Amino acid sequence: GSAGQRRGGGLTYPRAALDLHVGIGVHAGRVRIGVIGSVDRASGTALGDTVNLASRLESLTKTFGAEILASGECIADLHADGPGDRPALLESFASEPLGLSTT
């Protein structure tokens, strides 16, 4: 059979239950941003160690079954306002840092 049914001149597709999971890696720092490519096929991009680390954290969300992973540096910056102050961001996710490290 076909993937959809013809109706009103267009294709309609049956609804499918999607189990969509998104992983977000968070790190902050300096990046280089710009446009790469030719005039006909240009695209904006960000480059640098900051981008690479955020991308690696995003990849690790699958390994740890987490929706968001933030670098220790980002978490430390959130707590920089003073001891005992819990930033609203951490309250939103009601989660404690995992304390991951590299070997």
N, C-alpha and C. Protein backbone atom coordinates (compact mmCIF):
# COMPACT_ATOMS: atom_id res chain seq x y z
N GLY A 1 0.82 -1.19 0.00
CA GLY A 1 0.00 0.00 0.00
C GLY A 1 0.86 1.24 0.00
N SER A 2 0.21 2.37 -0.17
CA SER A 2 0.93 3.64 -0.18
C SER A 2 1.10 4.17 1.23
N ALA A 3 2.02 5.12 1.39
CA ALA A 3 2.31 5.69 2.70
C ALA A 3 1.18 6.59 3.19
N GLY A 4 0.41 7.12 2.28
CA GLY A 4 -0.67 8.01 2.68
C GLY A 4 -1.90 7.81 1.82
N GLN A 5 -2.94 8.52 2.13
CA GLN A 5 -4.16 8.44 1.35
C GLN A 5 -4.38 9.77 0.67
N ARG A 6 -4.86 9.72 -0.57
CA ARG A 6 -5.10 10.94 -1.32
C ARG A 6 -6.41 11.57 -0.83
N ARG A 7 -6.34 12.86 -0.49
CA ARG A 7 -7.53 13.55 -0.04
C ARG A 7 -7.39 15.04 -0.35
N GLY A 8 -8.33 15.58 -1.05
CA GLY A 8 -8.33 17.01 -1.35
C GLY A 8 -7.12 17.46 -2.15
N GLY A 9 -6.59 16.63 -3.02
CA GLY A 9 -5.47 17.00 -3.86
C GLY A 9 -4.11 16.86 -3.19
N GLY A 10 -4.05 16.54 -1.90
CA GLY A 10 -2.78 16.39 -1.20
C GLY A 10 -2.70 15.03 -0.52
N LEU A 11 -1.60 14.74 0.05
CA LEU A 11 -1.44 13.47 0.78
C LEU A 11 -1.67 13.70 2.26
N THR A 12 -2.36 12.78 2.86
CA THR A 12 -2.50 12.80 4.32
C THR A 12 -1.89 11.52 4.84
N TYR A 13 -1.25 11.60 5.95
CA TYR A 13 -0.58 10.44 6.52
C TYR A 13 -1.23 10.09 7.85
N PRO A 14 -1.34 8.79 8.11
CA PRO A 14 -1.93 8.41 9.40
C PRO A 14 -1.06 8.90 10.55
N ARG A 15 -1.70 9.25 11.64
CA ARG A 15 -0.95 9.69 12.82
C ARG A 15 -0.15 8.53 13.38
N ALA A 16 1.05 8.83 13.77
CA ALA A 16 1.91 7.82 14.40
C ALA A 16 2.31 8.35 15.77
N ALA A 17 2.37 7.47 16.72
CA ALA A 17 2.84 7.86 18.05
C ALA A 17 4.34 8.03 17.99
N LEU A 18 4.80 9.22 18.31
CA LEU A 18 6.23 9.50 18.31
C LEU A 18 6.76 9.51 19.73
N ASP A 19 7.85 8.85 19.93
CA ASP A 19 8.52 8.88 21.22
C ASP A 19 9.81 9.67 20.99
N LEU A 20 9.70 10.98 21.06
CA LEU A 20 10.80 11.88 20.74
C LEU A 20 11.58 12.24 21.99
N HIS A 21 12.88 12.03 21.96
CA HIS A 21 13.76 12.38 23.07
C HIS A 21 14.79 13.37 22.57
N VAL A 22 15.01 14.41 23.34
CA VAL A 22 15.97 15.45 22.97
C VAL A 22 17.05 15.52 24.04
N GLY A 23 18.30 15.60 23.61
CA GLY A 23 19.41 15.77 24.53
C GLY A 23 20.04 17.13 24.32
N ILE A 24 20.33 17.82 25.42
CA ILE A 24 20.92 19.16 25.33
C ILE A 24 22.20 19.19 26.14
N GLY A 25 23.29 19.64 25.51
CA GLY A 25 24.56 19.83 26.19
C GLY A 25 24.79 21.31 26.41
N VAL A 26 25.16 21.69 27.64
CA VAL A 26 25.31 23.11 27.97
C VAL A 26 26.73 23.39 28.44
N HIS A 27 27.37 24.34 27.80
CA HIS A 27 28.67 24.85 28.22
C HIS A 27 28.73 26.30 27.77
N ALA A 28 29.50 27.12 28.43
CA ALA A 28 29.60 28.53 28.07
C ALA A 28 31.06 28.90 27.90
N GLY A 29 31.31 29.78 26.96
CA GLY A 29 32.67 30.24 26.72
C GLY A 29 32.76 30.99 25.41
N ARG A 30 33.97 31.27 25.01
CA ARG A 30 34.21 32.02 23.78
C ARG A 30 34.11 31.10 22.58
N VAL A 31 33.49 31.61 21.52
CA VAL A 31 33.37 30.87 20.26
C VAL A 31 33.67 31.81 19.11
N ARG A 32 33.96 31.22 17.99
CA ARG A 32 34.09 31.98 16.75
C ARG A 32 32.82 31.70 15.95
N ILE A 33 32.13 32.77 15.54
CA ILE A 33 30.94 32.59 14.75
C ILE A 33 31.13 33.26 13.40
N GLY A 34 30.48 32.73 12.40
CA GLY A 34 30.60 33.30 11.08
C GLY A 34 29.81 32.52 10.07
N VAL A 35 30.03 32.88 8.84
CA VAL A 35 29.35 32.23 7.72
C VAL A 35 30.38 31.44 6.94
N ILE A 36 30.07 30.19 6.68
CA ILE A 36 30.97 29.31 5.94
C ILE A 36 30.27 28.85 4.68
N GLY A 37 31.00 28.76 3.60
CA GLY A 37 30.44 28.28 2.35
C GLY A 37 30.52 29.32 1.26
N SER A 38 29.95 28.99 0.14
CA SER A 38 29.95 29.91 -1.00
C SER A 38 28.74 30.82 -0.94
N VAL A 39 28.67 31.76 -1.85
CA VAL A 39 27.55 32.70 -1.90
C VAL A 39 26.23 31.95 -2.09
N ASP A 40 26.26 30.91 -2.92
CA ASP A 40 25.05 30.14 -3.21
C ASP A 40 24.67 29.18 -2.08
N ARG A 41 25.63 28.80 -1.30
CA ARG A 41 25.36 27.78 -0.27
C ARG A 41 26.07 28.13 1.04
N ALA A 42 25.71 29.25 1.61
CA ALA A 42 26.33 29.71 2.85
C ALA A 42 25.51 29.25 4.05
N SER A 43 26.21 29.07 5.15
CA SER A 43 25.53 28.63 6.36
C SER A 43 26.26 29.21 7.57
N GLY A 44 25.49 29.66 8.56
CA GLY A 44 26.07 30.19 9.78
C GLY A 44 26.55 29.06 10.68
N THR A 45 27.62 29.29 11.39
CA THR A 45 28.16 28.26 12.26
C THR A 45 28.91 28.87 13.43
N ALA A 46 29.14 28.06 14.44
CA ALA A 46 29.95 28.44 15.59
C ALA A 46 31.05 27.40 15.74
N LEU A 47 32.27 27.85 16.02
CA LEU A 47 33.43 26.95 16.12
C LEU A 47 34.18 27.21 17.41
N GLY A 48 34.83 26.19 17.91
CA GLY A 48 35.71 26.36 19.06
C GLY A 48 35.54 25.26 20.08
N ASP A 49 36.43 25.28 21.09
CA ASP A 49 36.40 24.27 22.14
C ASP A 49 35.08 24.29 22.91
N THR A 50 34.50 25.45 23.09
CA THR A 50 33.22 25.57 23.79
C THR A 50 32.13 24.80 23.06
N VAL A 51 32.07 24.95 21.75
CA VAL A 51 31.08 24.26 20.93
C VAL A 51 31.33 22.75 20.98
N ASN A 52 32.59 22.37 20.87
CA ASN A 52 32.94 20.94 20.89
C ASN A 52 32.54 20.29 22.22
N LEU A 53 32.79 20.97 23.34
CA LEU A 53 32.44 20.41 24.63
C LEU A 53 30.92 20.30 24.79
N ALA A 54 30.18 21.31 24.37
CA ALA A 54 28.72 21.25 24.44
C ALA A 54 28.20 20.10 23.59
N SER A 55 28.81 19.89 22.43
CA SER A 55 28.41 18.78 21.56
C SER A 55 28.69 17.43 22.20
N ARG A 56 29.82 17.30 22.86
CA ARG A 56 30.14 16.04 23.55
C ARG A 56 29.19 15.79 24.71
N LEU A 57 28.83 16.84 25.44
CA LEU A 57 27.85 16.70 26.52
C LEU A 57 26.50 16.26 25.96
N GLU A 58 26.12 16.84 24.83
CA GLU A 58 24.86 16.45 24.19
C GLU A 58 24.88 14.97 23.84
N SER A 59 25.99 14.49 23.31
CA SER A 59 26.11 13.07 22.96
C SER A 59 26.03 12.18 24.20
N LEU A 60 26.55 12.65 25.31
CA LEU A 60 26.53 11.87 26.56
C LEU A 60 25.15 11.79 27.20
N THR A 61 24.22 12.64 26.78
CA THR A 61 22.87 12.56 27.34
C THR A 61 22.27 11.18 27.07
N LYS A 62 22.60 10.58 25.94
CA LYS A 62 22.09 9.24 25.61
C LYS A 62 22.68 8.21 26.56
N THR A 63 23.98 8.31 26.80
CA THR A 63 24.67 7.36 27.67
C THR A 63 24.10 7.37 29.09
N PHE A 64 23.83 8.57 29.61
CA PHE A 64 23.38 8.71 30.99
C PHE A 64 21.86 8.81 31.12
N GLY A 65 21.15 8.74 30.01
CA GLY A 65 19.69 8.82 30.06
C GLY A 65 19.19 10.15 30.59
N ALA A 66 19.95 11.21 30.30
CA ALA A 66 19.59 12.55 30.79
C ALA A 66 19.07 13.40 29.64
N GLU A 67 18.21 14.34 29.94
CA GLU A 67 17.75 15.27 28.91
C GLU A 67 18.71 16.43 28.74
N ILE A 68 19.35 16.85 29.85
CA ILE A 68 20.28 17.97 29.81
C ILE A 68 21.51 17.62 30.63
N LEU A 69 22.69 17.87 30.05
CA LEU A 69 23.94 17.77 30.79
C LEU A 69 24.66 19.11 30.66
N ALA A 70 25.12 19.64 31.78
CA ALA A 70 25.85 20.91 31.78
C ALA A 70 27.24 20.65 32.32
N SER A 71 28.21 21.39 31.83
CA SER A 71 29.58 21.25 32.30
C SER A 71 29.69 21.75 33.75
N GLY A 72 30.68 21.24 34.47
CA GLY A 72 30.92 21.69 35.84
C GLY A 72 31.19 23.17 35.91
N GLU A 73 31.84 23.70 34.88
CA GLU A 73 32.13 25.13 34.84
C GLU A 73 30.84 25.95 34.78
N CYS A 74 29.87 25.49 34.00
CA CYS A 74 28.58 26.19 33.93
C CYS A 74 27.86 26.14 35.27
N ILE A 75 27.87 24.99 35.90
CA ILE A 75 27.21 24.84 37.20
C ILE A 75 27.88 25.74 38.24
N ALA A 76 29.23 25.77 38.21
CA ALA A 76 29.96 26.63 39.15
C ALA A 76 29.61 28.10 38.91
N ASP A 77 29.46 28.51 37.65
CA ASP A 77 29.09 29.89 37.33
C ASP A 77 27.69 30.21 37.85
N LEU A 78 26.80 29.24 37.83
CA LEU A 78 25.44 29.45 38.35
C LEU A 78 25.47 29.70 39.85
N HIS A 79 26.41 29.05 40.54
CA HIS A 79 26.52 29.17 41.99
C HIS A 79 27.41 30.34 42.41
N ALA A 80 27.94 31.10 41.47
CA ALA A 80 28.90 32.16 41.78
C ALA A 80 28.30 33.31 42.57
N ASP A 81 26.98 33.41 42.61
CA ASP A 81 26.33 34.52 43.32
C ASP A 81 26.52 34.44 44.82
N GLY A 82 26.77 33.27 45.34
CA GLY A 82 26.97 33.17 46.78
C GLY A 82 26.59 31.79 47.29
N PRO A 83 27.19 31.38 48.40
CA PRO A 83 26.87 30.06 48.95
C PRO A 83 25.43 29.99 49.42
N GLY A 84 24.82 28.86 49.20
CA GLY A 84 23.45 28.65 49.66
C GLY A 84 22.39 29.12 48.69
N ASP A 85 22.78 29.93 47.70
CA ASP A 85 21.80 30.37 46.70
C ASP A 85 21.67 29.29 45.64
N ARG A 86 20.48 28.78 45.47
CA ARG A 86 20.24 27.76 44.46
C ARG A 86 19.60 28.44 43.25
N PRO A 87 20.30 28.44 42.11
CA PRO A 87 19.77 29.13 40.93
C PRO A 87 18.44 28.53 40.47
N ALA A 88 17.61 29.37 39.89
CA ALA A 88 16.30 28.93 39.40
C ALA A 88 16.44 27.83 38.36
N LEU A 89 17.52 27.85 37.58
CA LEU A 89 17.72 26.82 36.55
C LEU A 89 17.79 25.44 37.19
N LEU A 90 18.55 25.30 38.26
CA LEU A 90 18.66 24.00 38.92
C LEU A 90 17.35 23.62 39.60
N GLU A 91 16.63 24.59 40.11
CA GLU A 91 15.34 24.29 40.73
C GLU A 91 14.36 23.77 39.69
N SER A 92 14.44 24.30 38.48
CA SER A 92 13.52 23.90 37.42
C SER A 92 13.65 22.42 37.10
N PHE A 93 14.86 21.90 37.17
CA PHE A 93 15.08 20.52 36.79
C PHE A 93 15.14 19.59 38.00
N ALA A 94 15.11 20.13 39.20
CA ALA A 94 15.12 19.33 40.43
C ALA A 94 16.12 18.19 40.33
N SER A 95 17.34 18.52 39.98
CA SER A 95 18.35 17.49 39.79
C SER A 95 19.67 17.96 40.39
N GLU A 96 20.45 17.04 40.83
CA GLU A 96 21.77 17.34 41.35
C GLU A 96 22.82 17.00 40.30
N PRO A 97 23.96 17.68 40.29
CA PRO A 97 25.02 17.36 39.34
C PRO A 97 25.50 15.92 39.51
N LEU A 98 25.87 15.31 38.39
CA LEU A 98 26.33 13.91 38.41
C LEU A 98 27.77 13.79 38.87
N GLY A 99 28.55 14.84 38.78
CA GLY A 99 29.96 14.77 39.18
C GLY A 99 30.79 13.93 38.22
N LEU A 100 30.53 14.04 36.92
CA LEU A 100 31.27 13.28 35.94
C LEU A 100 32.67 13.85 35.78
N SER A 101 33.62 12.99 35.49
CA SER A 101 34.98 13.45 35.24
C SER A 101 35.61 12.57 34.17
N THR A 102 36.67 13.07 33.56
CA THR A 102 37.38 12.28 32.57
C THR A 102 38.58 11.61 33.19
N THR A 103 39.01 10.53 32.61
CA THR A 103 40.19 9.84 33.12
C THR A 103 41.30 9.85 32.11
